[in-house]
Amino acid sequence: MKTKKQKPFHIKNIIALFLVYLVLFGVLFAMIDYYAYDIINPLLFVIISVISAIIATFIHSKSRKKTKADELASDIKEIL
């Protein structure tokens, strides 16, 4: 049985996916920071957002499943 070879991700696609996930986690943690009333340092939320976006991009690129994030990434890829 032949297996279908999948195309490797291009660097533009990876950057676009990273930006999608960075915005997603950035907004999520910004809302948490807003409701935390500056109890927690906002820099911590920025660092967590970037790390979460890197992890999500890595997992997404390894799974190779098409999701809504890919549709958003294709729109961003056109801009890049």
N, C-alpha and C. Protein backbone atom coordinates (compact mmCIF):
# COMPACT_ATOMS: atom_id res chain seq x y z
N MET A 1 0.84 -1.18 0.00
CA MET A 1 0.00 0.00 0.00
C MET A 1 0.89 1.25 0.00
N LYS A 2 0.65 2.10 -0.95
CA LYS A 2 1.45 3.31 -1.04
C LYS A 2 0.92 4.37 -0.07
N THR A 3 1.85 5.06 0.53
CA THR A 3 1.47 6.18 1.39
C THR A 3 1.71 7.47 0.63
N LYS A 4 0.85 8.39 0.86
CA LYS A 4 0.94 9.66 0.19
C LYS A 4 1.99 10.53 0.87
N LYS A 5 2.93 11.06 0.09
CA LYS A 5 3.91 11.96 0.67
C LYS A 5 3.28 13.33 0.85
N GLN A 6 3.48 13.88 2.02
CA GLN A 6 2.91 15.19 2.28
C GLN A 6 3.98 16.25 2.04
N LYS A 7 3.52 17.39 1.58
CA LYS A 7 4.45 18.48 1.32
C LYS A 7 5.01 19.00 2.63
N PRO A 8 6.29 19.32 2.65
CA PRO A 8 6.84 19.91 3.88
C PRO A 8 6.34 21.35 4.04
N PHE A 9 6.27 21.78 5.27
CA PHE A 9 5.85 23.14 5.53
C PHE A 9 6.93 24.11 5.08
N HIS A 10 6.51 25.18 4.45
CA HIS A 10 7.44 26.23 4.06
C HIS A 10 7.61 27.20 5.22
N ILE A 11 8.67 27.96 5.19
CA ILE A 11 8.97 28.87 6.29
C ILE A 11 7.89 29.95 6.42
N LYS A 12 7.33 30.39 5.29
CA LYS A 12 6.25 31.39 5.35
C LYS A 12 5.02 30.83 6.05
N ASN A 13 4.72 29.57 5.80
CA ASN A 13 3.57 28.95 6.44
C ASN A 13 3.81 28.82 7.95
N ILE A 14 5.02 28.47 8.34
CA ILE A 14 5.33 28.33 9.76
C ILE A 14 5.26 29.68 10.45
N ILE A 15 5.77 30.72 9.82
CA ILE A 15 5.72 32.06 10.41
C ILE A 15 4.27 32.53 10.53
N ALA A 16 3.47 32.27 9.49
CA ALA A 16 2.06 32.67 9.53
C ALA A 16 1.31 31.92 10.63
N LEU A 17 1.57 30.62 10.78
CA LEU A 17 0.93 29.86 11.86
C LEU A 17 1.37 30.39 13.22
N PHE A 18 2.65 30.72 13.35
CA PHE A 18 3.15 31.28 14.61
C PHE A 18 2.43 32.58 14.94
N LEU A 19 2.24 33.44 13.95
CA LEU A 19 1.56 34.70 14.19
C LEU A 19 0.10 34.49 14.59
N VAL A 20 -0.55 33.52 13.98
CA VAL A 20 -1.94 33.21 14.34
C VAL A 20 -2.02 32.79 15.81
N TYR A 21 -1.15 31.86 16.18
CA TYR A 21 -1.17 31.38 17.56
C TYR A 21 -0.69 32.45 18.55
N LEU A 22 0.25 33.30 18.13
CA LEU A 22 0.72 34.37 19.02
C LEU A 22 -0.40 35.35 19.31
N VAL A 23 -1.17 35.72 18.31
CA VAL A 23 -2.30 36.62 18.52
C VAL A 23 -3.35 35.96 19.41
N LEU A 24 -3.62 34.70 19.15
CA LEU A 24 -4.61 33.96 19.95
C LEU A 24 -4.21 33.93 21.42
N PHE A 25 -2.99 33.50 21.71
CA PHE A 25 -2.55 33.42 23.09
C PHE A 25 -2.32 34.80 23.69
N GLY A 26 -1.89 35.76 22.87
CA GLY A 26 -1.70 37.13 23.36
C GLY A 26 -2.99 37.74 23.85
N VAL A 27 -4.06 37.57 23.08
CA VAL A 27 -5.36 38.11 23.48
C VAL A 27 -5.89 37.38 24.71
N LEU A 28 -5.73 36.07 24.73
CA LEU A 28 -6.19 35.29 25.88
C LEU A 28 -5.49 35.73 27.17
N PHE A 29 -4.17 35.84 27.12
CA PHE A 29 -3.45 36.23 28.33
C PHE A 29 -3.61 37.71 28.65
N ALA A 30 -3.89 38.55 27.64
CA ALA A 30 -4.18 39.95 27.93
C ALA A 30 -5.49 40.09 28.69
N MET A 31 -6.47 39.26 28.34
CA MET A 31 -7.74 39.29 29.08
C MET A 31 -7.54 38.80 30.51
N ILE A 32 -6.73 37.77 30.67
CA ILE A 32 -6.45 37.27 32.02
C ILE A 32 -5.72 38.35 32.83
N ASP A 33 -4.77 39.03 32.20
CA ASP A 33 -4.03 40.09 32.89
C ASP A 33 -4.94 41.25 33.25
N TYR A 34 -5.88 41.57 32.37
CA TYR A 34 -6.80 42.66 32.66
C TYR A 34 -7.65 42.36 33.90
N TYR A 35 -8.12 41.13 33.99
CA TYR A 35 -8.96 40.76 35.13
C TYR A 35 -8.15 40.42 36.37
N ALA A 36 -6.83 40.30 36.24
CA ALA A 36 -5.99 40.04 37.40
C ALA A 36 -5.65 41.34 38.13
N TYR A 37 -6.01 42.49 37.55
CA TYR A 37 -5.79 43.80 38.16
C TYR A 37 -4.34 44.03 38.56
N ASP A 38 -3.43 43.73 37.65
CA ASP A 38 -1.99 43.97 37.82
C ASP A 38 -1.40 43.28 39.05
N ILE A 39 -1.99 42.17 39.45
CA ILE A 39 -1.39 41.39 40.52
C ILE A 39 -0.17 40.64 39.99
N ILE A 40 -0.26 40.19 38.74
CA ILE A 40 0.81 39.45 38.10
C ILE A 40 1.49 40.36 37.09
N ASN A 41 2.81 40.25 36.97
CA ASN A 41 3.59 41.07 36.05
C ASN A 41 3.16 40.77 34.61
N PRO A 42 2.82 41.80 33.83
CA PRO A 42 2.40 41.58 32.43
C PRO A 42 3.49 40.96 31.56
N LEU A 43 4.75 41.19 31.89
CA LEU A 43 5.84 40.60 31.12
C LEU A 43 5.78 39.07 31.17
N LEU A 44 5.32 38.54 32.29
CA LEU A 44 5.17 37.09 32.41
C LEU A 44 4.15 36.56 31.40
N PHE A 45 3.07 37.29 31.19
CA PHE A 45 2.06 36.88 30.22
C PHE A 45 2.59 36.96 28.78
N VAL A 46 3.43 37.93 28.50
CA VAL A 46 4.03 38.03 27.16
C VAL A 46 4.94 36.84 26.91
N ILE A 47 5.75 36.50 27.89
CA ILE A 47 6.66 35.36 27.75
C ILE A 47 5.88 34.07 27.59
N ILE A 48 4.82 33.88 28.38
CA ILE A 48 4.00 32.68 28.28
C ILE A 48 3.31 32.62 26.93
N SER A 49 2.88 33.77 26.40
CA SER A 49 2.23 33.80 25.08
C SER A 49 3.18 33.35 23.98
N VAL A 50 4.41 33.84 24.02
CA VAL A 50 5.39 33.47 22.98
C VAL A 50 5.74 31.99 23.08
N ILE A 51 5.96 31.50 24.29
CA ILE A 51 6.29 30.08 24.47
C ILE A 51 5.12 29.20 24.03
N SER A 52 3.91 29.59 24.40
CA SER A 52 2.72 28.82 24.00
C SER A 52 2.55 28.81 22.48
N ALA A 53 2.82 29.94 21.84
CA ALA A 53 2.70 30.01 20.38
C ALA A 53 3.74 29.13 19.70
N ILE A 54 4.94 29.09 20.25
CA ILE A 54 5.99 28.23 19.68
C ILE A 54 5.60 26.77 19.80
N ILE A 55 5.10 26.38 20.97
CA ILE A 55 4.70 24.99 21.19
C ILE A 55 3.52 24.62 20.29
N ALA A 56 2.53 25.50 20.20
CA ALA A 56 1.36 25.22 19.36
C ALA A 56 1.73 25.12 17.89
N THR A 57 2.63 25.97 17.44
CA THR A 57 3.08 25.91 16.04
C THR A 57 3.82 24.61 15.77
N PHE A 58 4.66 24.20 16.69
CA PHE A 58 5.41 22.95 16.52
C PHE A 58 4.46 21.75 16.47
N ILE A 59 3.51 21.70 17.38
CA ILE A 59 2.55 20.59 17.41
C ILE A 59 1.68 20.60 16.16
N HIS A 60 1.24 21.77 15.73
CA HIS A 60 0.40 21.87 14.53
C HIS A 60 1.16 21.43 13.29
N SER A 61 2.41 21.84 13.17
CA SER A 61 3.18 21.47 11.98
C SER A 61 3.50 19.98 11.96
N LYS A 62 3.60 19.36 13.12
CA LYS A 62 3.86 17.92 13.17
C LYS A 62 2.60 17.10 12.89
N SER A 63 1.43 17.62 13.26
CA SER A 63 0.19 16.85 13.05
C SER A 63 -0.26 16.87 11.60
N ARG A 64 0.03 17.95 10.88
CA ARG A 64 -0.29 18.10 9.46
C ARG A 64 -1.78 17.95 9.15
N LYS A 65 -2.61 18.39 10.05
CA LYS A 65 -4.05 18.40 9.80
C LYS A 65 -4.48 19.82 9.48
N LYS A 66 -5.41 19.94 8.54
CA LYS A 66 -5.91 21.26 8.15
C LYS A 66 -6.96 21.71 9.17
N THR A 67 -6.78 22.92 9.67
CA THR A 67 -7.71 23.51 10.63
C THR A 67 -8.01 24.94 10.21
N LYS A 68 -8.80 25.61 11.02
CA LYS A 68 -9.10 27.03 10.77
C LYS A 68 -7.84 27.88 10.86
N ALA A 69 -6.90 27.45 11.68
CA ALA A 69 -5.64 28.19 11.80
C ALA A 69 -4.90 28.22 10.47
N ASP A 70 -5.02 27.16 9.68
CA ASP A 70 -4.39 27.14 8.37
C ASP A 70 -5.04 28.14 7.42
N GLU A 71 -6.35 28.28 7.53
CA GLU A 71 -7.04 29.27 6.69
C GLU A 71 -6.60 30.68 7.05
N LEU A 72 -6.50 30.96 8.34
CA LEU A 72 -6.02 32.27 8.77
C LEU A 72 -4.56 32.48 8.37
N ALA A 73 -3.76 31.42 8.48
CA ALA A 73 -2.35 31.51 8.10
C ALA A 73 -2.19 31.77 6.61
N SER A 74 -3.07 31.22 5.79
CA SER A 74 -2.96 31.46 4.34
C SER A 74 -3.26 32.92 4.03
N ASP A 75 -4.19 33.54 4.77
CA ASP A 75 -4.44 34.97 4.58
C ASP A 75 -3.22 35.80 4.98
N ILE A 76 -2.58 35.42 6.07
CA ILE A 76 -1.39 36.14 6.54
C ILE A 76 -0.24 35.91 5.55
N LYS A 77 -0.15 34.70 5.01
CA LYS A 77 0.92 34.37 4.07
C LYS A 77 0.84 35.24 2.83
N GLU A 78 -0.36 35.60 2.41
CA GLU A 78 -0.52 36.49 1.25
C GLU A 78 0.04 37.87 1.55
N ILE A 79 -0.08 38.30 2.81
CA ILE A 79 0.44 39.61 3.19
C ILE A 79 1.97 39.58 3.24
N LEU A 80 2.52 38.46 3.75
CA LEU A 80 3.98 38.34 3.84
C LEU A 80 4.57 38.26 2.45
